[in-house]
Amino acid sequence: MSEVAVGRFARSWQLTKQSWAVLRAEKSLVLFPIISSVALVAITVSFVVPIGVWIAMLAPDAREGLRDSNGARIAFFLCFFAFYVVTYFVMTYFNVALAGAALERFAGRDTSLGAGMRIANRRFIPILQWAVLSATVGMILRALEERAGIFGALALRLVGIAWAVGTYFVVPVLALEGLGPIDSIKRSVSLLKSSWGEAALTRFGTGAVFGLLSLFVFLIGGGVAALFFTQDLPIIGVVAIACTLIVILLLSLVATTLQAILQAAVYAYAAEGTAPAGFSADTLRGVFGPKKPKKA
């Protein structure tokens, strides 16, 4: 591993510890991704099951006819777009609630699940508008990527990365400033430019730490399960696999929470110029690439 990579991981570890300290002080923050995950599963089932049952009930010749029907294509496109919008809305809603609660904590005020939800409720319309915009951009990029060649797909991936970086602060901006989607993007880009410059590149975040932890758990759990299977103890092996998956799921929920806390902290640092309590300005400054000096 190169010296640069080691430095980035060390920074990720520091950010993870600082975000973890916030989560330990306000444990209710982890409830937001839990509720969001349950809601997303319910939404997926509510979309997939009725469509699957309807297709299964059709006669074989009717199912074949769907492939050549323009009306069916349009209907499936609209259903898929609606699914995108609803899922984006749910994810953004709870992310805004979590960011709002974290920002309240940074400000020294008590917070809770209800406090975060009230913040998101006040931003209902901007969140819905952002969900429609995000779903539209996501579907366009996906459609273009499926039809592009190798170089076109690579270019579109870069566009997707630029979109992700440019909209990095949209969620905390929605939570604290309540701007519309376009103004939120402008505000996000402005904060990036003012704090990290034109060529901001994302560094490793808390996801790098938890990615390695998840890989470690997967290897250990998989090895234990394989051992029991070779010893002709399949039931214990299945239990080991189930426990491994549960631990990885819990790690994913904690990682999502810490990433949202970090995002709120970076936003507070960019907007106010000072690191929130519990965070180091040096580590927050290193989340993105160094700001380029202005030309004389």
C-alpha atoms as a PDB file:
ATOM      1  CA  MET A   1       0.000   0.000   0.000  1.00  0.00           C
ATOM      2  CA  SER A   2       1.404   3.384  -1.016  1.00  0.00           C
ATOM      3  CA  GLU A   3       2.219   6.126   1.466  1.00  0.00           C
ATOM      4  CA  VAL A   4      -0.640   8.243   0.072  1.00  0.00           C
ATOM      5  CA  ALA A   5      -3.132   5.409   0.563  1.00  0.00           C
ATOM      6  CA  VAL A   6      -1.879   4.840   4.112  1.00  0.00           C
ATOM      7  CA  GLY A   7      -2.324   8.533   4.854  1.00  0.00           C
ATOM      8  CA  ARG A   8      -5.841   8.509   3.443  1.00  0.00           C
ATOM      9  CA  PHE A   9      -6.806   5.465   5.484  1.00  0.00           C
ATOM     10  CA  ALA A  10      -5.343   7.055   8.627  1.00  0.00           C
ATOM     11  CA  ARG A  11      -7.500  10.113   7.956  1.00  0.00           C
ATOM     12  CA  SER A  12     -10.510   7.850   7.410  1.00  0.00           C
ATOM     13  CA  TRP A  13      -9.823   6.179  10.749  1.00  0.00           C
ATOM     14  CA  GLN A  14      -9.696   9.543  12.521  1.00  0.00           C
ATOM     15  CA  LEU A  15     -12.946  10.657  10.884  1.00  0.00           C
ATOM     16  CA  THR A  16     -14.583   7.362  11.807  1.00  0.00           C
ATOM     17  CA  LYS A  17     -13.552   7.732  15.467  1.00  0.00           C
ATOM     18  CA  GLN A  18     -14.780  11.326  15.607  1.00  0.00           C
ATOM     19  CA  SER A  19     -18.110  10.405  13.981  1.00  0.00           C
ATOM     20  CA  TRP A  20     -18.423   7.411  16.326  1.00  0.00           C
ATOM     21  CA  ALA A  21     -18.019   9.697  19.340  1.00  0.00           C
ATOM     22  CA  VAL A  22     -20.986  11.750  18.109  1.00  0.00           C
ATOM     23  CA  LEU A  23     -23.061   8.589  17.600  1.00  0.00           C
ATOM     24  CA  ARG A  24     -22.195   7.337  21.085  1.00  0.00           C
ATOM     25  CA  ALA A  25     -23.361  10.646  22.539  1.00  0.00           C
ATOM     26  CA  GLU A  26     -26.591  10.593  20.492  1.00  0.00           C
ATOM     27  CA  LYS A  27     -27.520   6.950  19.854  1.00  0.00           C
ATOM     28  CA  SER A  28     -30.924   7.859  18.377  1.00  0.00           C
ATOM     29  CA  LEU A  29     -29.154   8.878  15.157  1.00  0.00           C
ATOM     30  CA  VAL A  30     -28.820   5.231  14.111  1.00  0.00           C
ATOM     31  CA  LEU A  31     -32.624   4.906  14.060  1.00  0.00           C
ATOM     32  CA  PHE A  32     -32.898   6.977  10.878  1.00  0.00           C
ATOM     33  CA  PRO A  33     -31.121   4.503   8.538  1.00  0.00           C
ATOM     34  CA  ILE A  34     -32.897   1.586  10.235  1.00  0.00           C
ATOM     35  CA  ILE A  35     -36.335   3.060   9.543  1.00  0.00           C
ATOM     36  CA  SER A  36     -35.235   4.098   6.065  1.00  0.00           C
ATOM     37  CA  SER A  37     -34.061   0.557   5.262  1.00  0.00           C
ATOM     38  CA  VAL A  38     -37.326  -0.978   6.462  1.00  0.00           C
ATOM     39  CA  ALA A  39     -39.310   1.554   4.426  1.00  0.00           C
ATOM     40  CA  LEU A  40     -37.244   0.848   1.299  1.00  0.00           C
ATOM     41  CA  VAL A  41     -37.828  -2.896   1.640  1.00  0.00           C
ATOM     42  CA  ALA A  42     -41.579  -2.293   2.009  1.00  0.00           C
ATOM     43  CA  ILE A  43     -41.608   0.011  -1.032  1.00  0.00           C
ATOM     44  CA  THR A  44     -39.688  -2.514  -3.143  1.00  0.00           C
ATOM     45  CA  VAL A  45     -42.116  -5.286  -2.197  1.00  0.00           C
ATOM     46  CA  SER A  46     -45.125  -3.045  -2.916  1.00  0.00           C
ATOM     47  CA  PHE A  47     -43.815  -2.381  -6.438  1.00  0.00           C
ATOM     48  CA  VAL A  48     -42.320  -5.745  -7.378  1.00  0.00           C
ATOM     49  CA  VAL A  49     -44.927  -8.157  -5.986  1.00  0.00           C
ATOM     50  CA  PRO A  50     -48.053  -6.707  -7.719  1.00  0.00           C
ATOM     51  CA  ILE A  51     -46.246  -6.453 -11.075  1.00  0.00           C
ATOM     52  CA  GLY A  52     -44.824  -9.961 -10.697  1.00  0.00           C
ATOM     53  CA  VAL A  53     -48.209 -11.433  -9.776  1.00  0.00           C
ATOM     54  CA  TRP A  54     -49.900  -9.628 -12.677  1.00  0.00           C
ATOM     55  CA  ILE A  55     -47.340 -10.922 -15.197  1.00  0.00           C
ATOM     56  CA  ALA A  56     -47.533 -14.449 -13.748  1.00  0.00           C
ATOM     57  CA  MET A  57     -51.331 -14.455 -14.168  1.00  0.00           C
ATOM     58  CA  LEU A  58     -51.110 -13.580 -17.856  1.00  0.00           C
ATOM     59  CA  ALA A  59     -51.333 -16.273 -20.487  1.00  0.00           C
ATOM     60  CA  PRO A  60     -47.993 -17.205 -22.155  1.00  0.00           C
ATOM     61  CA  ASP A  61     -48.960 -15.535 -25.451  1.00  0.00           C
ATOM     62  CA  ALA A  62     -49.985 -12.350 -23.568  1.00  0.00           C
ATOM     63  CA  ARG A  63     -46.625 -12.261 -21.782  1.00  0.00           C
ATOM     64  CA  GLU A  64     -44.859 -12.587 -25.132  1.00  0.00           C
ATOM     65  CA  GLY A  65     -46.964  -9.735 -26.491  1.00  0.00           C
ATOM     66  CA  LEU A  66     -45.779  -7.428 -23.719  1.00  0.00           C
ATOM     67  CA  ARG A  67     -42.258  -7.476 -25.134  1.00  0.00           C
ATOM     68  CA  ASP A  68     -43.417  -5.961 -28.423  1.00  0.00           C
ATOM     69  CA  SER A  69     -46.001  -3.562 -26.984  1.00  0.00           C
ATOM     70  CA  ASN A  70     -45.048   0.111 -26.915  1.00  0.00           C
ATOM     71  CA  GLY A  71     -47.800   0.728 -24.389  1.00  0.00           C
ATOM     72  CA  ALA A  72     -46.330  -1.896 -22.069  1.00  0.00           C
ATOM     73  CA  ARG A  73     -42.871  -0.353 -22.425  1.00  0.00           C
ATOM     74  CA  ILE A  74     -44.239   3.077 -21.522  1.00  0.00           C
ATOM     75  CA  ALA A  75     -46.160   1.627 -18.553  1.00  0.00           C
ATOM     76  CA  PHE A  76     -43.086  -0.185 -17.238  1.00  0.00           C
ATOM     77  CA  PHE A  77     -40.977   2.951 -17.719  1.00  0.00           C
ATOM     78  CA  LEU A  78     -43.473   5.032 -15.732  1.00  0.00           C
ATOM     79  CA  CYS A  79     -43.606   2.398 -12.975  1.00  0.00           C
ATOM     80  CA  PHE A  80     -39.813   2.251 -12.844  1.00  0.00           C
ATOM     81  CA  PHE A  81     -39.566   6.039 -12.728  1.00  0.00           C
ATOM     82  CA  ALA A  82     -42.179   6.187  -9.957  1.00  0.00           C
ATOM     83  CA  PHE A  83     -40.197   3.560  -8.041  1.00  0.00           C
ATOM     84  CA  TYR A  84     -37.035   5.656  -8.477  1.00  0.00           C
ATOM     85  CA  VAL A  85     -38.774   8.808  -7.252  1.00  0.00           C
ATOM     86  CA  VAL A  86     -40.312   7.127  -4.201  1.00  0.00           C
ATOM     87  CA  THR A  87     -37.065   5.438  -3.170  1.00  0.00           C
ATOM     88  CA  TYR A  88     -35.053   8.630  -3.683  1.00  0.00           C
ATOM     89  CA  PHE A  89     -37.636  10.528  -1.641  1.00  0.00           C
ATOM     90  CA  VAL A  90     -37.503   8.064   1.260  1.00  0.00           C
ATOM     91  CA  MET A  91     -33.700   7.989   1.300  1.00  0.00           C
ATOM     92  CA  THR A  92     -33.437  11.780   1.086  1.00  0.00           C
ATOM     93  CA  TYR A  93     -36.158  12.319   3.688  1.00  0.00           C
ATOM     94  CA  PHE A  94     -34.408  10.237   6.331  1.00  0.00           C
ATOM     95  CA  ASN A  95     -30.983  11.553   5.336  1.00  0.00           C
ATOM     96  CA  VAL A  96     -32.261  15.106   5.810  1.00  0.00           C
ATOM     97  CA  ALA A  97     -33.770  14.097   9.158  1.00  0.00           C
ATOM     98  CA  LEU A  98     -30.458  12.538  10.238  1.00  0.00           C
ATOM     99  CA  ALA A  99     -28.410  15.517   9.006  1.00  0.00           C
ATOM    100  CA  GLY A 100     -30.763  17.927  10.756  1.00  0.00           C
ATOM    101  CA  ALA A 101     -30.520  15.985  14.011  1.00  0.00           C
ATOM    102  CA  ALA A 102     -26.718  15.849  13.747  1.00  0.00           C
ATOM    103  CA  LEU A 103     -26.516  19.590  13.088  1.00  0.00           C
ATOM    104  CA  GLU A 104     -28.710  20.192  16.134  1.00  0.00           C
ATOM    105  CA  ARG A 105     -26.273  18.107  18.157  1.00  0.00           C
ATOM    106  CA  PHE A 106     -23.318  20.105  16.808  1.00  0.00           C
ATOM    107  CA  ALA A 107     -25.089  23.288  17.888  1.00  0.00           C
ATOM    108  CA  GLY A 108     -25.225  21.967  21.457  1.00  0.00           C
ATOM    109  CA  ARG A 109     -28.958  21.345  21.452  1.00  0.00           C
ATOM    110  CA  ASP A 110     -30.654  18.108  22.503  1.00  0.00           C
ATOM    111  CA  THR A 111     -32.019  16.096  19.613  1.00  0.00           C
ATOM    112  CA  SER A 112     -34.040  12.966  19.006  1.00  0.00           C
ATOM    113  CA  LEU A 113     -35.759  10.897  16.339  1.00  0.00           C
ATOM    114  CA  GLY A 114     -38.795  13.173  16.520  1.00  0.00           C
ATOM    115  CA  ALA A 115     -36.697  16.323  16.215  1.00  0.00           C
ATOM    116  CA  GLY A 116     -35.037  15.035  13.058  1.00  0.00           C
ATOM    117  CA  MET A 117     -38.378  14.003  11.558  1.00  0.00           C
ATOM    118  CA  ARG A 118     -39.821  17.451  12.240  1.00  0.00           C
ATOM    119  CA  ILE A 119     -36.908  19.021  10.365  1.00  0.00           C
ATOM    120  CA  ALA A 120     -37.546  16.718   7.393  1.00  0.00           C
ATOM    121  CA  ASN A 121     -41.287  17.408   7.515  1.00  0.00           C
ATOM    122  CA  ARG A 122     -40.621  21.134   7.175  1.00  0.00           C
ATOM    123  CA  ARG A 123     -38.568  20.389   4.035  1.00  0.00           C
ATOM    124  CA  PHE A 124     -41.140  18.017   2.490  1.00  0.00           C
ATOM    125  CA  ILE A 125     -41.607  19.899  -0.797  1.00  0.00           C
ATOM    126  CA  PRO A 126     -37.880  20.584  -1.447  1.00  0.00           C
ATOM    127  CA  ILE A 127     -37.137  16.929  -0.643  1.00  0.00           C
ATOM    128  CA  LEU A 128     -39.805  15.772  -3.115  1.00  0.00           C
ATOM    129  CA  GLN A 129     -38.449  18.119  -5.773  1.00  0.00           C
ATOM    130  CA  TRP A 130     -34.925  16.839  -5.163  1.00  0.00           C
ATOM    131  CA  ALA A 131     -36.152  13.225  -5.403  1.00  0.00           C
ATOM    132  CA  VAL A 132     -37.728  13.902  -8.816  1.00  0.00           C
ATOM    133  CA  LEU A 133     -34.574  15.640 -10.062  1.00  0.00           C
ATOM    134  CA  SER A 134     -32.256  12.915  -8.726  1.00  0.00           C
ATOM    135  CA  ALA A 135     -34.408  10.152 -10.199  1.00  0.00           C
ATOM    136  CA  THR A 136     -34.471  11.905 -13.567  1.00  0.00           C
ATOM    137  CA  VAL A 137     -30.697  12.393 -13.645  1.00  0.00           C
ATOM    138  CA  GLY A 138     -30.113   8.821 -12.475  1.00  0.00           C
ATOM    139  CA  MET A 139     -32.363   7.296 -15.123  1.00  0.00           C
ATOM    140  CA  ILE A 140     -30.885   9.449 -17.901  1.00  0.00           C
ATOM    141  CA  LEU A 141     -27.322   8.502 -16.963  1.00  0.00           C
ATOM    142  CA  ARG A 142     -28.299   4.845 -16.701  1.00  0.00           C
ATOM    143  CA  ALA A 143     -30.077   4.838 -20.061  1.00  0.00           C
ATOM    144  CA  LEU A 144     -27.179   6.581 -21.797  1.00  0.00           C
ATOM    145  CA  GLU A 145     -24.628   4.253 -20.203  1.00  0.00           C
ATOM    146  CA  GLU A 146     -26.490   1.163 -21.447  1.00  0.00           C
ATOM    147  CA  ARG A 147     -26.344   2.487 -25.009  1.00  0.00           C
ATOM    148  CA  ALA A 148     -22.828   3.927 -24.935  1.00  0.00           C
ATOM    149  CA  GLY A 149     -19.633   2.156 -25.906  1.00  0.00           C
ATOM    150  CA  ILE A 150     -16.696   1.572 -23.595  1.00  0.00           C
ATOM    151  CA  PHE A 151     -15.365   5.119 -23.813  1.00  0.00           C
ATOM    152  CA  GLY A 152     -18.859   6.615 -23.656  1.00  0.00           C
ATOM    153  CA  ALA A 153     -19.656   4.584 -20.545  1.00  0.00           C
ATOM    154  CA  LEU A 154     -16.391   5.741 -18.957  1.00  0.00           C
ATOM    155  CA  ALA A 155     -17.230   9.371 -19.733  1.00  0.00           C
ATOM    156  CA  LEU A 156     -20.695   8.932 -18.227  1.00  0.00           C
ATOM    157  CA  ARG A 157     -19.153   7.379 -15.107  1.00  0.00           C
ATOM    158  CA  LEU A 158     -17.036  10.501 -14.741  1.00  0.00           C
ATOM    159  CA  VAL A 159     -20.167  12.614 -15.158  1.00  0.00           C
ATOM    160  CA  GLY A 160     -21.794  10.553 -12.407  1.00  0.00           C
ATOM    161  CA  ILE A 161     -18.805  11.111 -10.113  1.00  0.00           C
ATOM    162  CA  ALA A 162     -18.899  14.855 -10.826  1.00  0.00           C
ATOM    163  CA  TRP A 163     -22.624  14.868 -10.016  1.00  0.00           C
ATOM    164  CA  ALA A 164     -22.028  13.009  -6.743  1.00  0.00           C
ATOM    165  CA  VAL A 165     -19.244  15.395  -5.685  1.00  0.00           C
ATOM    166  CA  GLY A 166     -21.113  18.531  -6.763  1.00  0.00           C
ATOM    167  CA  THR A 167     -24.247  17.505  -4.847  1.00  0.00           C
ATOM    168  CA  TYR A 168     -22.350  16.322  -1.748  1.00  0.00           C
ATOM    169  CA  PHE A 169     -23.823  19.044   0.474  1.00  0.00           C
ATOM    170  CA  VAL A 170     -27.374  18.991  -0.899  1.00  0.00           C
ATOM    171  CA  VAL A 171     -28.786  16.953   2.003  1.00  0.00           C
ATOM    172  CA  PRO A 172     -27.437  19.168   4.837  1.00  0.00           C
ATOM    173  CA  VAL A 173     -28.336  22.266   2.790  1.00  0.00           C
ATOM    174  CA  LEU A 174     -31.905  20.981   2.538  1.00  0.00           C
ATOM    175  CA  ALA A 175     -31.902  20.247   6.264  1.00  0.00           C
ATOM    176  CA  LEU A 176     -30.557  23.586   7.463  1.00  0.00           C
ATOM    177  CA  GLU A 177     -31.246  26.098   4.703  1.00  0.00           C
ATOM    178  CA  GLY A 178     -34.353  24.641   3.068  1.00  0.00           C
ATOM    179  CA  LEU A 179     -33.461  25.753  -0.461  1.00  0.00           C
ATOM    180  CA  GLY A 180     -34.980  24.281  -3.602  1.00  0.00           C
ATOM    181  CA  PRO A 181     -33.117  21.548  -5.514  1.00  0.00           C
ATOM    182  CA  ILE A 182     -31.383  23.820  -8.040  1.00  0.00           C
ATOM    183  CA  ASP A 183     -30.385  26.377  -5.415  1.00  0.00           C
ATOM    184  CA  SER A 184     -29.207  23.532  -3.171  1.00  0.00           C
ATOM    185  CA  ILE A 185     -26.901  22.282  -5.932  1.00  0.00           C
ATOM    186  CA  LYS A 186     -25.554  25.795  -6.468  1.00  0.00           C
ATOM    187  CA  ARG A 187     -24.999  26.170  -2.737  1.00  0.00           C
ATOM    188  CA  SER A 188     -23.279  22.771  -2.545  1.00  0.00           C
ATOM    189  CA  VAL A 189     -20.918  23.610  -5.404  1.00  0.00           C
ATOM    190  CA  SER A 190     -20.239  27.041  -3.890  1.00  0.00           C
ATOM    191  CA  LEU A 191     -19.256  25.499  -0.547  1.00  0.00           C
ATOM    192  CA  LEU A 192     -16.954  23.030  -2.283  1.00  0.00           C
ATOM    193  CA  LYS A 193     -15.244  25.751  -4.297  1.00  0.00           C
ATOM    194  CA  SER A 194     -14.841  28.129  -1.378  1.00  0.00           C
ATOM    195  CA  SER A 195     -13.406  25.482   0.948  1.00  0.00           C
ATOM    196  CA  TRP A 196     -11.567  23.035  -1.320  1.00  0.00           C
ATOM    197  CA  GLY A 197     -11.217  24.710  -4.714  1.00  0.00           C
ATOM    198  CA  GLU A 198     -12.209  23.848  -8.250  1.00  0.00           C
ATOM    199  CA  ALA A 199     -10.620  20.399  -8.434  1.00  0.00           C
ATOM    200  CA  ALA A 200     -11.968  18.789  -5.282  1.00  0.00           C
ATOM    201  CA  LEU A 201     -11.450  15.019  -5.237  1.00  0.00           C
ATOM    202  CA  THR A 202     -13.102  12.787  -2.664  1.00  0.00           C
ATOM    203  CA  ARG A 203     -10.853  10.981  -0.216  1.00  0.00           C
ATOM    204  CA  PHE A 204     -11.492   7.807   1.703  1.00  0.00           C
ATOM    205  CA  GLY A 205     -14.332   8.171   4.178  1.00  0.00           C
ATOM    206  CA  THR A 206     -15.806   6.079   6.951  1.00  0.00           C
ATOM    207  CA  GLY A 207     -16.904   3.609   4.268  1.00  0.00           C
ATOM    208  CA  ALA A 208     -13.288   2.521   3.772  1.00  0.00           C
ATOM    209  CA  VAL A 209     -12.944   1.533   7.421  1.00  0.00           C
ATOM    210  CA  PHE A 210     -16.250  -0.313   7.538  1.00  0.00           C
ATOM    211  CA  GLY A 211     -15.582  -1.898   4.149  1.00  0.00           C
ATOM    212  CA  LEU A 212     -12.474  -3.531   5.593  1.00  0.00           C
ATOM    213  CA  LEU A 213     -14.353  -4.523   8.749  1.00  0.00           C
ATOM    214  CA  SER A 214     -17.138  -6.101   6.668  1.00  0.00           C
ATOM    215  CA  LEU A 215     -14.564  -7.977   4.573  1.00  0.00           C
ATOM    216  CA  PHE A 216     -12.891  -9.254   7.761  1.00  0.00           C
ATOM    217  CA  VAL A 217     -16.241 -10.423   9.180  1.00  0.00           C
ATOM    218  CA  PHE A 218     -17.142 -12.063   5.845  1.00  0.00           C
ATOM    219  CA  LEU A 219     -13.846 -13.969   5.676  1.00  0.00           C
ATOM    220  CA  ILE A 220     -14.021 -15.114   9.302  1.00  0.00           C
ATOM    221  CA  GLY A 221     -17.719 -16.006   9.141  1.00  0.00           C
ATOM    222  CA  GLY A 222     -17.319 -17.752   5.788  1.00  0.00           C
ATOM    223  CA  GLY A 223     -14.328 -19.705   7.071  1.00  0.00           C
ATOM    224  CA  VAL A 224     -16.202 -20.828  10.198  1.00  0.00           C
ATOM    225  CA  ALA A 225     -19.254 -21.828   8.135  1.00  0.00           C
ATOM    226  CA  ALA A 226     -17.084 -23.785   5.674  1.00  0.00           C
ATOM    227  CA  LEU A 227     -15.418 -25.578   8.594  1.00  0.00           C
ATOM    228  CA  PHE A 228     -18.756 -26.722   9.995  1.00  0.00           C
ATOM    229  CA  PHE A 229     -19.967 -27.830   6.554  1.00  0.00           C
ATOM    230  CA  THR A 230     -16.842 -29.944   6.066  1.00  0.00           C
ATOM    231  CA  GLN A 231     -17.434 -31.460   9.536  1.00  0.00           C
ATOM    232  CA  ASP A 232     -20.918 -32.526   8.381  1.00  0.00           C
ATOM    233  CA  LEU A 233     -22.611 -29.962  10.642  1.00  0.00           C
ATOM    234  CA  PRO A 234     -24.701 -28.053   8.068  1.00  0.00           C
ATOM    235  CA  ILE A 235     -27.161 -26.560  10.568  1.00  0.00           C
ATOM    236  CA  ILE A 236     -24.378 -24.867  12.530  1.00  0.00           C
ATOM    237  CA  GLY A 237     -22.844 -23.762   9.228  1.00  0.00           C
ATOM    238  CA  VAL A 238     -26.125 -22.120   8.188  1.00  0.00           C
ATOM    239  CA  VAL A 239     -26.335 -20.410  11.587  1.00  0.00           C
ATOM    240  CA  ALA A 240     -22.780 -19.120  11.128  1.00  0.00           C
ATOM    241  CA  ILE A 241     -23.698 -17.697   7.703  1.00  0.00           C
ATOM    242  CA  ALA A 242     -26.832 -16.067   9.124  1.00  0.00           C
ATOM    243  CA  CYS A 243     -24.864 -14.498  11.988  1.00  0.00           C
ATOM    244  CA  THR A 244     -22.256 -13.242   9.530  1.00  0.00           C
ATOM    245  CA  LEU A 245     -24.901 -11.588   7.353  1.00  0.00           C
ATOM    246  CA  ILE A 246     -26.539  -9.991  10.406  1.00  0.00           C
ATOM    247  CA  VAL A 247     -23.210  -8.560  11.593  1.00  0.00           C
ATOM    248  CA  ILE A 248     -22.460  -7.191   8.107  1.00  0.00           C
ATOM    249  CA  LEU A 249     -25.944  -5.631   7.983  1.00  0.00           C
ATOM    250  CA  LEU A 250     -25.394  -3.977  11.377  1.00  0.00           C
ATOM    251  CA  LEU A 251     -22.007  -2.702  10.235  1.00  0.00           C
ATOM    252  CA  SER A 252     -23.654  -1.273   7.124  1.00  0.00           C
ATOM    253  CA  LEU A 253     -26.268   0.578   9.196  1.00  0.00           C
ATOM    254  CA  VAL A 254     -23.613   2.014  11.515  1.00  0.00           C
ATOM    255  CA  ALA A 255     -21.441   2.991   8.532  1.00  0.00           C
ATOM    256  CA  THR A 256     -24.387   4.768   6.885  1.00  0.00           C
ATOM    257  CA  THR A 257     -25.073   6.683  10.093  1.00  0.00           C
ATOM    258  CA  LEU A 258     -21.440   7.684  10.563  1.00  0.00           C
ATOM    259  CA  GLN A 259     -21.172   8.781   6.935  1.00  0.00           C
ATOM    260  CA  ALA A 260     -24.213  11.035   7.377  1.00  0.00           C
ATOM    261  CA  ILE A 261     -22.754  12.474  10.605  1.00  0.00           C
ATOM    262  CA  LEU A 262     -19.479  13.138   8.797  1.00  0.00           C
ATOM    263  CA  GLN A 263     -21.311  14.786   5.899  1.00  0.00           C
ATOM    264  CA  ALA A 264     -23.093  17.111   8.321  1.00  0.00           C
ATOM    265  CA  ALA A 265     -19.790  17.894  10.061  1.00  0.00           C
ATOM    266  CA  VAL A 266     -18.042  18.684   6.756  1.00  0.00           C
ATOM    267  CA  TYR A 267     -20.966  20.909   5.777  1.00  0.00           C
ATOM    268  CA  ALA A 268     -20.765  22.757   9.101  1.00  0.00           C
ATOM    269  CA  TYR A 269     -17.029  23.219   8.594  1.00  0.00           C
ATOM    270  CA  ALA A 270     -17.491  24.501   5.026  1.00  0.00           C
ATOM    271  CA  ALA A 271     -20.402  26.813   5.907  1.00  0.00           C
ATOM    272  CA  GLU A 272     -19.052  28.251   9.155  1.00  0.00           C
ATOM    273  CA  GLY A 273     -15.293  27.916   8.712  1.00  0.00           C
ATOM    274  CA  THR A 274     -14.843  26.098  12.027  1.00  0.00           C
ATOM    275  CA  ALA A 275     -15.001  22.407  12.867  1.00  0.00           C
ATOM    276  CA  PRO A 276     -17.980  21.317  15.005  1.00  0.00           C
ATOM    277  CA  ALA A 277     -17.322  20.005  18.500  1.00  0.00           C
ATOM    278  CA  GLY A 278     -15.652  16.611  18.436  1.00  0.00           C
ATOM    279  CA  PHE A 279     -14.109  17.020  14.983  1.00  0.00           C
ATOM    280  CA  SER A 280     -10.667  18.181  13.916  1.00  0.00           C
ATOM    281  CA  ALA A 281     -10.394  20.919  11.305  1.00  0.00           C
ATOM    282  CA  ASP A 282      -7.324  19.188   9.843  1.00  0.00           C
ATOM    283  CA  THR A 283      -9.140  15.913   9.189  1.00  0.00           C
ATOM    284  CA  LEU A 284     -12.230  17.654   7.816  1.00  0.00           C
ATOM    285  CA  ARG A 285     -10.007  19.722   5.522  1.00  0.00           C
ATOM    286  CA  GLY A 286      -8.601  16.474   4.136  1.00  0.00           C
ATOM    287  CA  VAL A 287     -11.972  15.007   3.140  1.00  0.00           C
ATOM    288  CA  PHE A 288     -11.451  16.579  -0.296  1.00  0.00           C
ATOM    289  CA  GLY A 289      -8.363  17.427  -2.268  1.00  0.00           C
ATOM    290  CA  PRO A 290      -6.314  20.486  -1.311  1.00  0.00           C
ATOM    291  CA  LYS A 291      -7.491  23.821  -2.595  1.00  0.00           C
ATOM    292  CA  LYS A 292      -5.502  25.056  -5.544  1.00  0.00           C
ATOM    293  CA  PRO A 293      -3.755  28.383  -4.950  1.00  0.00           C
ATOM    294  CA  LYS A 294      -5.135  31.283  -6.933  1.00  0.00           C
ATOM    295  CA  LYS A 295      -3.080  32.392  -9.915  1.00  0.00           C
ATOM    296  CA  ALA A 296      -1.383  35.736  -9.546  1.00  0.00           C
END
